[in-house]
């Protein structure tokens, strides 16, 4: 059953697994598998049970960020070991380790239309890589502090980046030109793009989530979401919901486009650091500093 504003209060936990400190989650396009990035590495899990399917071994440090391509055959991961790794699941696992960053890689993103990979992190640089030739296409420089999150938007023509310098920046992917700088009052922990690529949401330590129009750079909505700061944000596939997780250990849901508060989940014991709606809109995965990943769905009475 689809998760919607009308039934969000009927969410129940349907699966759970324990890993290291959870940093990122990414669904397979068919919603049948979930990739988990954690202090313990990169693992693939059955979405219904969260039983492990595979461990992708190669990073020598915690995995900070992951992205899955449009057909589910490729995963890209960024790690504290300073590398970006490209994994081809049908070709036996690790295909290539991309080296060039000089500090931890906190964020990766994959452009849906082709094999372009973006990575960024503590060295304050964004690198664009061709995931076929594994060569650097372009380096984007402008952030003054660590880069924490990346998301392609506007049909892949723009790349959004967030960082410790309190900004979200919009870059023209083909030219490398900085198109806009959007501001928070404290560092930006996470950004997410809507499925149509027309909006991005940014989560910040300043306790707010802000919704931005990509074309104009206009702030469309500001939600005071979590008193201790917001760690993650995600759009539901149909764009009717925004989910947030924060330092208060809560997951909260907001109706779009008006930002009305709908429902809170209080089941994690530490900050909620990652959340992701499944592509089919029927499930939500949440990951926390309490070392657990939980999957939620609408109960039968929903």
C-alpha atoms as a PDB file:
ATOM      1  CA  UNK A   1       0.000   0.000   0.000  1.00  0.00           C
ATOM      2  CA  UNK A   2       1.290   3.452  -0.900  1.00  0.00           C
ATOM      3  CA  UNK A   3       2.419   5.695   1.941  1.00  0.00           C
ATOM      4  CA  UNK A   4       0.354   8.902   1.689  1.00  0.00           C
ATOM      5  CA  UNK A   5      -0.590  11.859   3.873  1.00  0.00           C
ATOM      6  CA  UNK A   6      -3.940  10.147   4.496  1.00  0.00           C
ATOM      7  CA  UNK A   7      -2.503   6.952   5.999  1.00  0.00           C
ATOM      8  CA  UNK A   8       0.879   8.014   7.374  1.00  0.00           C
ATOM      9  CA  UNK A   9      -0.296   7.492  10.966  1.00  0.00           C
ATOM     10  CA  UNK A  10      -0.708   3.774  10.183  1.00  0.00           C
ATOM     11  CA  UNK A  11       3.011   3.120   9.638  1.00  0.00           C
ATOM     12  CA  UNK A  12       4.318   0.022  11.417  1.00  0.00           C
ATOM     13  CA  UNK A  13       7.785  -1.472  11.633  1.00  0.00           C
ATOM     14  CA  UNK A  14       8.047  -4.547   9.399  1.00  0.00           C
ATOM     15  CA  UNK A  15      11.775  -5.357   9.515  1.00  0.00           C
ATOM     16  CA  UNK A  16      14.933  -4.455  11.415  1.00  0.00           C
ATOM     17  CA  UNK A  17      18.647  -5.192  11.243  1.00  0.00           C
ATOM     18  CA  UNK A  18      21.657  -4.134  13.263  1.00  0.00           C
ATOM     19  CA  UNK A  19      24.781  -2.731  11.643  1.00  0.00           C
ATOM     20  CA  UNK A  20      27.385  -0.183  12.626  1.00  0.00           C
ATOM     21  CA  UNK A  21      26.648   3.533  12.827  1.00  0.00           C
ATOM     22  CA  UNK A  22      24.293   4.050   9.849  1.00  0.00           C
ATOM     23  CA  UNK A  23      25.246   6.842   7.465  1.00  0.00           C
ATOM     24  CA  UNK A  24      23.180   6.313   4.276  1.00  0.00           C
ATOM     25  CA  UNK A  25      20.472   4.155   2.679  1.00  0.00           C
ATOM     26  CA  UNK A  26      19.619   3.532  -0.975  1.00  0.00           C
ATOM     27  CA  UNK A  27      16.873   1.374  -2.497  1.00  0.00           C
ATOM     28  CA  UNK A  28      17.151  -0.756  -5.611  1.00  0.00           C
ATOM     29  CA  UNK A  29      14.915   0.647  -8.372  1.00  0.00           C
ATOM     30  CA  UNK A  30      12.576  -2.359  -8.073  1.00  0.00           C
ATOM     31  CA  UNK A  31      12.210  -1.746  -4.292  1.00  0.00           C
ATOM     32  CA  UNK A  32      13.283  -5.343  -3.556  1.00  0.00           C
ATOM     33  CA  UNK A  33      16.698  -4.642  -2.039  1.00  0.00           C
ATOM     34  CA  UNK A  34      18.211  -2.008   0.215  1.00  0.00           C
ATOM     35  CA  UNK A  35      21.843  -0.888   0.281  1.00  0.00           C
ATOM     36  CA  UNK A  36      23.148   0.183   3.696  1.00  0.00           C
ATOM     37  CA  UNK A  37      26.236   2.319   4.301  1.00  0.00           C
ATOM     38  CA  UNK A  38      27.647   2.214   7.803  1.00  0.00           C
ATOM     39  CA  UNK A  39      30.733   2.260   9.946  1.00  0.00           C
ATOM     40  CA  UNK A  40      30.883  -1.470   9.241  1.00  0.00           C
ATOM     41  CA  UNK A  41      30.995  -1.080   5.459  1.00  0.00           C
ATOM     42  CA  UNK A  42      28.567  -1.512   2.563  1.00  0.00           C
ATOM     43  CA  UNK A  43      25.942  -4.267   2.610  1.00  0.00           C
ATOM     44  CA  UNK A  44      22.927  -5.294   0.537  1.00  0.00           C
ATOM     45  CA  UNK A  45      19.749  -6.523   2.232  1.00  0.00           C
ATOM     46  CA  UNK A  46      16.476  -8.108   1.237  1.00  0.00           C
ATOM     47  CA  UNK A  47      13.938  -5.301   1.536  1.00  0.00           C
ATOM     48  CA  UNK A  48      11.177  -7.448   3.040  1.00  0.00           C
ATOM     49  CA  UNK A  49      13.225  -9.048   5.820  1.00  0.00           C
ATOM     50  CA  UNK A  50      16.470  -7.025   5.912  1.00  0.00           C
ATOM     51  CA  UNK A  51      18.380 -10.289   5.834  1.00  0.00           C
ATOM     52  CA  UNK A  52      21.847  -9.711   4.347  1.00  0.00           C
ATOM     53  CA  UNK A  53      22.299 -10.596   0.687  1.00  0.00           C
ATOM     54  CA  UNK A  54      25.914  -9.503   0.186  1.00  0.00           C
ATOM     55  CA  UNK A  55      28.752  -7.498   1.699  1.00  0.00           C
ATOM     56  CA  UNK A  56      30.720  -5.341  -0.745  1.00  0.00           C
ATOM     57  CA  UNK A  57      34.217  -5.361   0.665  1.00  0.00           C
ATOM     58  CA  UNK A  58      37.025  -3.021  -0.306  1.00  0.00           C
ATOM     59  CA  UNK A  59      36.777   0.217   1.663  1.00  0.00           C
ATOM     60  CA  UNK A  60      39.250   0.538   4.521  1.00  0.00           C
ATOM     61  CA  UNK A  61      37.130   3.077   6.420  1.00  0.00           C
ATOM     62  CA  UNK A  62      33.476   3.795   7.203  1.00  0.00           C
ATOM     63  CA  UNK A  63      31.225   4.170   4.156  1.00  0.00           C
ATOM     64  CA  UNK A  64      29.672   7.641   4.287  1.00  0.00           C
ATOM     65  CA  UNK A  65      27.404   7.803   1.220  1.00  0.00           C
ATOM     66  CA  UNK A  66      25.952   5.556  -1.499  1.00  0.00           C
ATOM     67  CA  UNK A  67      23.987   5.894  -4.738  1.00  0.00           C
ATOM     68  CA  UNK A  68      22.343   3.307  -7.008  1.00  0.00           C
ATOM     69  CA  UNK A  69      21.911   3.644 -10.775  1.00  0.00           C
ATOM     70  CA  UNK A  70      18.583   3.528 -12.591  1.00  0.00           C
ATOM     71  CA  UNK A  71      18.623  -0.204 -13.393  1.00  0.00           C
ATOM     72  CA  UNK A  72      20.094  -1.381 -10.105  1.00  0.00           C
ATOM     73  CA  UNK A  73      23.246  -2.867 -11.606  1.00  0.00           C
ATOM     74  CA  UNK A  74      25.680  -0.296 -10.256  1.00  0.00           C
ATOM     75  CA  UNK A  75      26.384   1.145  -6.823  1.00  0.00           C
ATOM     76  CA  UNK A  76      28.747   4.007  -6.064  1.00  0.00           C
ATOM     77  CA  UNK A  77      30.109   4.527  -2.559  1.00  0.00           C
ATOM     78  CA  UNK A  78      32.167   7.197  -0.847  1.00  0.00           C
ATOM     79  CA  UNK A  79      34.252   6.536   2.238  1.00  0.00           C
ATOM     80  CA  UNK A  80      36.378   8.022   4.969  1.00  0.00           C
ATOM     81  CA  UNK A  81      39.269   6.184   3.271  1.00  0.00           C
ATOM     82  CA  UNK A  82      39.210   9.045   0.658  1.00  0.00           C
ATOM     83  CA  UNK A  83      38.104   6.801  -2.222  1.00  0.00           C
ATOM     84  CA  UNK A  84      35.002   6.535  -4.383  1.00  0.00           C
ATOM     85  CA  UNK A  85      34.245   2.980  -5.445  1.00  0.00           C
ATOM     86  CA  UNK A  86      32.126   1.788  -8.349  1.00  0.00           C
ATOM     87  CA  UNK A  87      30.508  -1.617  -7.927  1.00  0.00           C
ATOM     88  CA  UNK A  88      28.954  -3.577 -10.806  1.00  0.00           C
ATOM     89  CA  UNK A  89      26.766  -6.238  -9.269  1.00  0.00           C
ATOM     90  CA  UNK A  90      26.403  -8.335 -12.438  1.00  0.00           C
ATOM     91  CA  UNK A  91      30.153  -8.297 -13.050  1.00  0.00           C
ATOM     92  CA  UNK A  92      31.260  -9.676  -9.711  1.00  0.00           C
ATOM     93  CA  UNK A  93      31.441  -6.655  -7.422  1.00  0.00           C
ATOM     94  CA  UNK A  94      34.114  -3.960  -7.349  1.00  0.00           C
ATOM     95  CA  UNK A  95      34.840  -2.501 -10.768  1.00  0.00           C
ATOM     96  CA  UNK A  96      37.009   0.482  -9.903  1.00  0.00           C
ATOM     97  CA  UNK A  97      38.359   2.574  -7.030  1.00  0.00           C
ATOM     98  CA  UNK A  98      38.398   6.264  -7.962  1.00  0.00           C
ATOM     99  CA  UNK A  99      41.207   8.177  -6.300  1.00  0.00           C
ATOM    100  CA  UNK A 100      41.760  11.908  -6.219  1.00  0.00           C
ATOM    101  CA  UNK A 101      40.159  13.242  -3.054  1.00  0.00           C
ATOM    102  CA  UNK A 102      42.630  14.085  -0.308  1.00  0.00           C
ATOM    103  CA  UNK A 103      40.262  13.612   2.629  1.00  0.00           C
ATOM    104  CA  UNK A 104      37.083  11.744   3.553  1.00  0.00           C
ATOM    105  CA  UNK A 105      34.414  11.427   0.832  1.00  0.00           C
ATOM    106  CA  UNK A 106      31.148  12.310   2.569  1.00  0.00           C
ATOM    107  CA  UNK A 107      28.807  12.458  -0.421  1.00  0.00           C
ATOM    108  CA  UNK A 108      28.236  10.734  -3.762  1.00  0.00           C
ATOM    109  CA  UNK A 109      25.501  11.024  -6.384  1.00  0.00           C
ATOM    110  CA  UNK A 110      24.721   9.333  -9.710  1.00  0.00           C
ATOM    111  CA  UNK A 111      23.070  11.108 -12.629  1.00  0.00           C
ATOM    112  CA  UNK A 112      20.144   9.024 -13.799  1.00  0.00           C
ATOM    113  CA  UNK A 113      20.567   9.776 -17.501  1.00  0.00           C
ATOM    114  CA  UNK A 114      24.108   8.427 -17.827  1.00  0.00           C
ATOM    115  CA  UNK A 115      27.150   7.204 -15.958  1.00  0.00           C
ATOM    116  CA  UNK A 116      28.213  10.505 -14.403  1.00  0.00           C
ATOM    117  CA  UNK A 117      29.282  10.280 -10.770  1.00  0.00           C
ATOM    118  CA  UNK A 118      29.633  13.228  -8.400  1.00  0.00           C
ATOM    119  CA  UNK A 119      31.642  13.069  -5.176  1.00  0.00           C
ATOM    120  CA  UNK A 120      32.522  15.555  -2.472  1.00  0.00           C
ATOM    121  CA  UNK A 121      33.816  15.717   1.055  1.00  0.00           C
ATOM    122  CA  UNK A 122      36.248  17.111   3.555  1.00  0.00           C
ATOM    123  CA  UNK A 123      38.693  18.446   0.951  1.00  0.00           C
ATOM    124  CA  UNK A 124      35.983  20.953  -0.098  1.00  0.00           C
ATOM    125  CA  UNK A 125      36.066  19.781  -3.709  1.00  0.00           C
ATOM    126  CA  UNK A 126      33.381  18.233  -5.900  1.00  0.00           C
ATOM    127  CA  UNK A 127      34.670  15.817  -8.501  1.00  0.00           C
ATOM    128  CA  UNK A 128      32.639  14.719 -11.511  1.00  0.00           C
ATOM    129  CA  UNK A 129      33.701  11.327 -12.861  1.00  0.00           C
ATOM    130  CA  UNK A 130      32.877   9.379 -15.994  1.00  0.00           C
ATOM    131  CA  UNK A 131      31.887   5.986 -14.564  1.00  0.00           C
ATOM    132  CA  UNK A 132      32.770   4.241 -17.848  1.00  0.00           C
ATOM    133  CA  UNK A 133      36.291   5.598 -18.331  1.00  0.00           C
ATOM    134  CA  UNK A 134      36.764   6.428 -14.607  1.00  0.00           C
ATOM    135  CA  UNK A 135      38.323   9.747 -15.543  1.00  0.00           C
ATOM    136  CA  UNK A 136      37.655  13.076 -13.839  1.00  0.00           C
ATOM    137  CA  UNK A 137      35.440  15.205 -16.055  1.00  0.00           C
ATOM    138  CA  UNK A 138      35.459  18.346 -13.931  1.00  0.00           C
ATOM    139  CA  UNK A 139      36.371  19.642 -10.460  1.00  0.00           C
ATOM    140  CA  UNK A 140      34.008  22.165  -8.842  1.00  0.00           C
ATOM    141  CA  UNK A 141      35.518  24.474  -6.249  1.00  0.00           C
ATOM    142  CA  UNK A 142      33.587  27.013  -4.186  1.00  0.00           C
ATOM    143  CA  UNK A 143      32.573  25.546  -0.837  1.00  0.00           C
ATOM    144  CA  UNK A 144      34.581  27.010   2.013  1.00  0.00           C
ATOM    145  CA  UNK A 145      34.184  24.006   4.313  1.00  0.00           C
ATOM    146  CA  UNK A 146      33.420  20.283   4.166  1.00  0.00           C
ATOM    147  CA  UNK A 147      30.828  19.091   1.650  1.00  0.00           C
ATOM    148  CA  UNK A 148      28.202  16.856   3.231  1.00  0.00           C
ATOM    149  CA  UNK A 149      25.628  16.021   0.542  1.00  0.00           C
ATOM    150  CA  UNK A 150      25.060  15.990  -3.224  1.00  0.00           C
ATOM    151  CA  UNK A 151      21.996  15.574  -5.440  1.00  0.00           C
ATOM    152  CA  UNK A 152      21.418  15.903  -9.170  1.00  0.00           C
ATOM    153  CA  UNK A 153      18.339  17.932 -10.110  1.00  0.00           C
ATOM    154  CA  UNK A 154      16.694  19.723 -13.038  1.00  0.00           C
ATOM    155  CA  UNK A 155      16.901  16.619 -15.205  1.00  0.00           C
ATOM    156  CA  UNK A 156      20.560  16.163 -14.308  1.00  0.00           C
ATOM    157  CA  UNK A 157      21.544  19.560 -15.708  1.00  0.00           C
ATOM    158  CA  UNK A 158      22.289  20.886 -12.222  1.00  0.00           C
ATOM    159  CA  UNK A 159      24.073  19.468  -9.202  1.00  0.00           C
ATOM    160  CA  UNK A 160      23.090  20.614  -5.713  1.00  0.00           C
ATOM    161  CA  UNK A 161      25.703  20.490  -2.968  1.00  0.00           C
ATOM    162  CA  UNK A 162      25.456  21.216   0.743  1.00  0.00           C
ATOM    163  CA  UNK A 163      28.165  21.806   3.301  1.00  0.00           C
ATOM    164  CA  UNK A 164      29.505  23.040   6.582  1.00  0.00           C
ATOM    165  CA  UNK A 165      29.707  26.594   5.186  1.00  0.00           C
ATOM    166  CA  UNK A 166      25.911  26.890   5.722  1.00  0.00           C
ATOM    167  CA  UNK A 167      25.186  26.872   2.000  1.00  0.00           C
ATOM    168  CA  UNK A 168      23.462  24.876  -0.686  1.00  0.00           C
ATOM    169  CA  UNK A 169      25.049  25.525  -4.070  1.00  0.00           C
ATOM    170  CA  UNK A 170      23.621  24.836  -7.516  1.00  0.00           C
ATOM    171  CA  UNK A 171      26.168  24.028 -10.234  1.00  0.00           C
ATOM    172  CA  UNK A 172      25.765  23.764 -13.992  1.00  0.00           C
ATOM    173  CA  UNK A 173      27.046  20.244 -14.634  1.00  0.00           C
ATOM    174  CA  UNK A 174      28.201  20.822 -18.223  1.00  0.00           C
ATOM    175  CA  UNK A 175      30.088  24.074 -17.643  1.00  0.00           C
ATOM    176  CA  UNK A 176      30.935  23.912 -13.943  1.00  0.00           C
ATOM    177  CA  UNK A 177      29.490  27.392 -13.422  1.00  0.00           C
ATOM    178  CA  UNK A 178      27.985  28.139  -9.994  1.00  0.00           C
ATOM    179  CA  UNK A 179      24.370  29.136 -10.687  1.00  0.00           C
ATOM    180  CA  UNK A 180      23.099  29.948  -7.196  1.00  0.00           C
ATOM    181  CA  UNK A 181      24.086  29.974  -3.533  1.00  0.00           C
ATOM    182  CA  UNK A 182      21.253  29.276  -1.060  1.00  0.00           C
ATOM    183  CA  UNK A 183      21.786  29.889   2.632  1.00  0.00           C
ATOM    184  CA  UNK A 184      20.998  28.352   6.013  1.00  0.00           C
ATOM    185  CA  UNK A 185      21.933  29.726   9.439  1.00  0.00           C
ATOM    186  CA  UNK A 186      24.127  26.738  10.280  1.00  0.00           C
ATOM    187  CA  UNK A 187      25.770  23.879   8.411  1.00  0.00           C
ATOM    188  CA  UNK A 188      23.791  21.859   5.909  1.00  0.00           C
ATOM    189  CA  UNK A 189      23.765  18.177   6.779  1.00  0.00           C
ATOM    190  CA  UNK A 190      21.747  16.724   3.906  1.00  0.00           C
ATOM    191  CA  UNK A 191      19.943  17.598   0.692  1.00  0.00           C
ATOM    192  CA  UNK A 192      17.408  15.678  -1.405  1.00  0.00           C
ATOM    193  CA  UNK A 193      15.876  16.289  -4.817  1.00  0.00           C
ATOM    194  CA  UNK A 194      12.248  15.658  -5.718  1.00  0.00           C
ATOM    195  CA  UNK A 195      11.636  12.938  -8.290  1.00  0.00           C
ATOM    196  CA  UNK A 196      10.836  15.503 -10.994  1.00  0.00           C
ATOM    197  CA  UNK A 197      14.043  17.398 -10.164  1.00  0.00           C
ATOM    198  CA  UNK A 198      12.279  20.730  -9.801  1.00  0.00           C
ATOM    199  CA  UNK A 199      12.711  21.093  -6.052  1.00  0.00           C
ATOM    200  CA  UNK A 200      15.378  20.356  -3.495  1.00  0.00           C
ATOM    201  CA  UNK A 201      15.025  20.099   0.267  1.00  0.00           C
ATOM    202  CA  UNK A 202      17.906  20.906   2.603  1.00  0.00           C
ATOM    203  CA  UNK A 203      18.303  19.779   6.218  1.00  0.00           C
ATOM    204  CA  UNK A 204      20.420  21.820   8.571  1.00  0.00           C
ATOM    205  CA  UNK A 205      21.877  21.982  12.028  1.00  0.00           C
ATOM    206  CA  UNK A 206      19.906  25.253  12.358  1.00  0.00           C
ATOM    207  CA  UNK A 207      16.828  23.018  13.079  1.00  0.00           C
ATOM    208  CA  UNK A 208      15.171  23.889   9.752  1.00  0.00           C
ATOM    209  CA  UNK A 209      14.313  22.124   6.545  1.00  0.00           C
ATOM    210  CA  UNK A 210      14.030  24.459   3.594  1.00  0.00           C
ATOM    211  CA  UNK A 211      12.329  23.725   0.294  1.00  0.00           C
ATOM    212  CA  UNK A 212      13.803  25.455  -2.758  1.00  0.00           C
ATOM    213  CA  UNK A 213      12.634  25.947  -6.330  1.00  0.00           C
ATOM    214  CA  UNK A 214      15.559  24.831  -8.494  1.00  0.00           C
ATOM    215  CA  UNK A 215      14.813  27.057 -11.492  1.00  0.00           C
ATOM    216  CA  UNK A 216      14.528  30.311  -9.549  1.00  0.00           C
ATOM    217  CA  UNK A 217      16.483  29.554  -6.356  1.00  0.00           C
ATOM    218  CA  UNK A 218      13.485  30.817  -4.402  1.00  0.00           C
ATOM    219  CA  UNK A 219      12.771  29.425  -0.947  1.00  0.00           C
ATOM    220  CA  UNK A 220       9.272  27.948  -1.144  1.00  0.00           C
ATOM    221  CA  UNK A 221       8.941  26.648   2.410  1.00  0.00           C
ATOM    222  CA  UNK A 222      10.758  26.661   5.732  1.00  0.00           C
ATOM    223  CA  UNK A 223       9.899  24.055   8.370  1.00  0.00           C
ATOM    224  CA  UNK A 224      11.214  24.206  11.917  1.00  0.00           C
ATOM    225  CA  UNK A 225      11.573  20.437  12.022  1.00  0.00           C
ATOM    226  CA  UNK A 226      13.795  19.174  14.871  1.00  0.00           C
ATOM    227  CA  UNK A 227      14.878  21.275  17.826  1.00  0.00           C
ATOM    228  CA  UNK A 228      18.348  19.746  18.076  1.00  0.00           C
ATOM    229  CA  UNK A 229      19.032  19.922  14.318  1.00  0.00           C
ATOM    230  CA  UNK A 230      17.976  18.015  11.205  1.00  0.00           C
ATOM    231  CA  UNK A 231      20.193  15.222   9.883  1.00  0.00           C
ATOM    232  CA  UNK A 232      18.309  13.904   6.846  1.00  0.00           C
ATOM    233  CA  UNK A 233      15.417  14.613   4.526  1.00  0.00           C
ATOM    234  CA  UNK A 234      13.593  12.679   1.773  1.00  0.00           C
ATOM    235  CA  UNK A 235      10.720  13.236  -0.655  1.00  0.00           C
ATOM    236  CA  UNK A 236       8.127  10.511  -1.133  1.00  0.00           C
ATOM    237  CA  UNK A 237       8.060   9.371  -4.789  1.00  0.00           C
ATOM    238  CA  UNK A 238       4.753  11.123  -5.537  1.00  0.00           C
ATOM    239  CA  UNK A 239       5.935  14.349  -3.898  1.00  0.00           C
ATOM    240  CA  UNK A 240       3.101  14.455  -1.356  1.00  0.00           C
ATOM    241  CA  UNK A 241       5.297  13.916   1.721  1.00  0.00           C
ATOM    242  CA  UNK A 242       8.565  15.086   3.140  1.00  0.00           C
ATOM    243  CA  UNK A 243      10.246  12.887   5.742  1.00  0.00           C
ATOM    244  CA  UNK A 244      12.883  14.211   8.139  1.00  0.00           C
ATOM    245  CA  UNK A 245      15.138  12.726  10.806  1.00  0.00           C
ATOM    246  CA  UNK A 246      17.007  14.528  13.527  1.00  0.00           C
ATOM    247  CA  UNK A 247      19.131  14.732  16.644  1.00  0.00           C
ATOM    248  CA  UNK A 248      16.000  14.299  18.771  1.00  0.00           C
ATOM    249  CA  UNK A 249      15.864  10.638  17.601  1.00  0.00           C
ATOM    250  CA  UNK A 250      12.563  11.284  15.810  1.00  0.00           C
ATOM    251  CA  UNK A 251      11.312  10.753  12.267  1.00  0.00           C
ATOM    252  CA  UNK A 252       8.739  13.348  11.233  1.00  0.00           C
ATOM    253  CA  UNK A 253       6.423  13.661   8.249  1.00  0.00           C
ATOM    254  CA  UNK A 254       5.220  16.861   6.600  1.00  0.00           C
ATOM    255  CA  UNK A 255       2.546  17.322   3.955  1.00  0.00           C
ATOM    256  CA  UNK A 256       3.540  19.040   0.739  1.00  0.00           C
ATOM    257  CA  UNK A 257       3.238  21.651  -0.529  1.00  0.00           C
ATOM    258  CA  UNK A 258       2.032  23.419   2.645  1.00  0.00           C
ATOM    259  CA  UNK A 259       4.423  21.809   5.180  1.00  0.00           C
ATOM    260  CA  UNK A 260       1.715  20.737   7.624  1.00  0.00           C
ATOM    261  CA  UNK A 261       3.012  18.443  10.400  1.00  0.00           C
ATOM    262  CA  UNK A 262       1.364  15.018  10.112  1.00  0.00           C
ATOM    263  CA  UNK A 263       3.013  12.369  12.275  1.00  0.00           C
ATOM    264  CA  UNK A 264       6.108  11.496  14.345  1.00  0.00           C
ATOM    265  CA  UNK A 265       7.903   8.180  14.842  1.00  0.00           C
ATOM    266  CA  UNK A 266       9.883   7.723  18.056  1.00  0.00           C
ATOM    267  CA  UNK A 267      11.488   4.295  17.800  1.00  0.00           C
ATOM    268  CA  UNK A 268      15.197   5.020  17.385  1.00  0.00           C
ATOM    269  CA  UNK A 269      17.404   5.534  20.429  1.00  0.00           C
ATOM    270  CA  UNK A 270      19.918   7.921  18.825  1.00  0.00           C
ATOM    271  CA  UNK A 271      19.910  10.509  16.033  1.00  0.00           C
ATOM    272  CA  UNK A 272      18.198   9.488  12.795  1.00  0.00           C
ATOM    273  CA  UNK A 273      20.909   9.936  10.178  1.00  0.00           C
ATOM    274  CA  UNK A 274      19.333   8.477   7.030  1.00  0.00           C
ATOM    275  CA  UNK A 275      15.895   7.838   5.597  1.00  0.00           C
ATOM    276  CA  UNK A 276      14.648   6.794   2.186  1.00  0.00           C
ATOM    277  CA  UNK A 277      11.252   6.033   0.649  1.00  0.00           C
ATOM    278  CA  UNK A 278      11.187   2.972  -1.602  1.00  0.00           C
ATOM    279  CA  UNK A 279      10.755   3.829  -5.312  1.00  0.00           C
ATOM    280  CA  UNK A 280       7.317   2.185  -5.364  1.00  0.00           C
ATOM    281  CA  UNK A 281       6.223   4.367  -2.436  1.00  0.00           C
ATOM    282  CA  UNK A 282       5.153   1.479  -0.200  1.00  0.00           C
ATOM    283  CA  UNK A 283       7.965   1.465   2.360  1.00  0.00           C
ATOM    284  CA  UNK A 284      10.279   3.739   4.286  1.00  0.00           C
ATOM    285  CA  UNK A 285      13.748   2.841   5.546  1.00  0.00           C
ATOM    286  CA  UNK A 286      15.342   4.681   8.467  1.00  0.00           C
ATOM    287  CA  UNK A 287      18.881   4.418   9.818  1.00  0.00           C
ATOM    288  CA  UNK A 288      20.305   5.729  13.055  1.00  0.00           C
ATOM    289  CA  UNK A 289      23.320   6.191  15.259  1.00  0.00           C
ATOM    290  CA  UNK A 290      21.764   3.445  17.381  1.00  0.00           C
ATOM    291  CA  UNK A 291      23.215   1.058  14.745  1.00  0.00           C
ATOM    292  CA  UNK A 292      19.829  -0.096  13.456  1.00  0.00           C
ATOM    293  CA  UNK A 293      18.054   0.055  10.121  1.00  0.00           C
ATOM    294  CA  UNK A 294      14.271  -0.203  10.286  1.00  0.00           C
ATOM    295  CA  UNK A 295      11.778  -0.630   7.453  1.00  0.00           C
ATOM    296  CA  UNK A 296       8.249   0.721   7.818  1.00  0.00           C
ATOM    297  CA  UNK A 297       5.039   0.063   5.863  1.00  0.00           C
ATOM    298  CA  UNK A 298       1.336   0.785   6.181  1.00  0.00           C
ATOM    299  CA  UNK A 299      -0.431  -1.735   8.431  1.00  0.00           C
ATOM    300  CA  UNK A 300      -3.231  -3.903   7.080  1.00  0.00           C
ATOM    301  CA  UNK A 301      -5.837  -1.624   8.637  1.00  0.00           C
ATOM    302  CA  UNK A 302      -4.302   1.391   6.863  1.00  0.00           C
END
